């Protein structure tokens, strides 16, 4: 997901991430078409303090 410059001062990313908060117990990683859904432990801090 590193950005790259496509024009002067315009940058593009090659992927999208969504942050979903909740309890991961019982969660099963899955793939739907080209979309992969999984739990990660190495994500930049989202400053979210809930459960």
Protein backbone atom coordinates (compact mmCIF):
# COMPACT_ATOMS: atom_id res chain seq x y z
CA UNK A 1 0.00 0.00 0.00
CA UNK A 2 2.82 2.40 -0.64
CA UNK A 3 1.72 5.46 -2.62
CA UNK A 4 3.34 6.47 -5.87
CA UNK A 5 3.23 9.74 -7.75
CA UNK A 6 1.20 9.60 -10.97
CA UNK A 7 1.35 13.34 -11.81
CA UNK A 8 2.82 16.43 -10.19
CA UNK A 9 1.56 16.40 -6.59
CA UNK A 10 -1.02 13.65 -7.31
CA UNK A 11 -0.46 10.32 -5.61
CA UNK A 12 -2.15 6.96 -6.02
CA UNK A 13 -2.46 4.00 -3.66
CA UNK A 14 -2.70 0.41 -4.87
CA UNK A 15 -5.03 -0.84 -2.13
CA UNK A 16 -7.69 0.05 0.41
CA UNK A 17 -7.99 -0.89 4.06
CA UNK A 18 -11.03 -0.56 6.30
CA UNK A 19 -10.71 -0.59 10.07
CA UNK A 20 -13.45 -2.54 11.82
CA UNK A 21 -13.54 -2.55 15.60
CA UNK A 22 -14.90 -5.45 17.58
CA UNK A 23 -14.16 -8.79 19.12
CA UNK A 24 -12.37 -11.13 16.71
CA UNK A 25 -13.26 -14.30 18.66
CA UNK A 26 -14.80 -16.81 16.27
CA UNK A 27 -13.84 -14.78 13.21
CA UNK A 28 -12.77 -16.80 10.17
CA UNK A 29 -10.53 -15.30 7.53
CA UNK A 30 -12.18 -15.42 4.11
CA UNK A 31 -11.90 -14.32 0.51
CA UNK A 32 -14.82 -13.06 -1.56
CA UNK A 33 -13.79 -12.62 -5.18
CA UNK A 34 -10.68 -10.40 -5.10
CA UNK A 35 -11.44 -9.14 -1.56
CA UNK A 36 -9.57 -10.72 1.36
CA UNK A 37 -10.89 -10.31 4.91
CA UNK A 38 -8.54 -11.03 7.79
CA UNK A 39 -7.42 -9.92 11.24
CA UNK A 40 -4.04 -8.23 11.48
CA UNK A 41 -1.86 -7.38 14.45
CA UNK A 42 0.39 -4.93 12.59
CA UNK A 43 -1.72 -1.90 11.73
CA UNK A 44 -0.88 1.76 12.29
CA UNK A 45 -2.54 3.21 15.37
CA UNK A 46 -6.06 4.38 14.57
CA UNK A 47 -6.33 6.08 17.99
CA UNK A 48 -9.44 4.00 18.67
CA UNK A 49 -9.82 3.19 22.35
CA UNK A 50 -12.97 1.03 22.40
CA UNK A 51 -13.28 -2.74 22.62
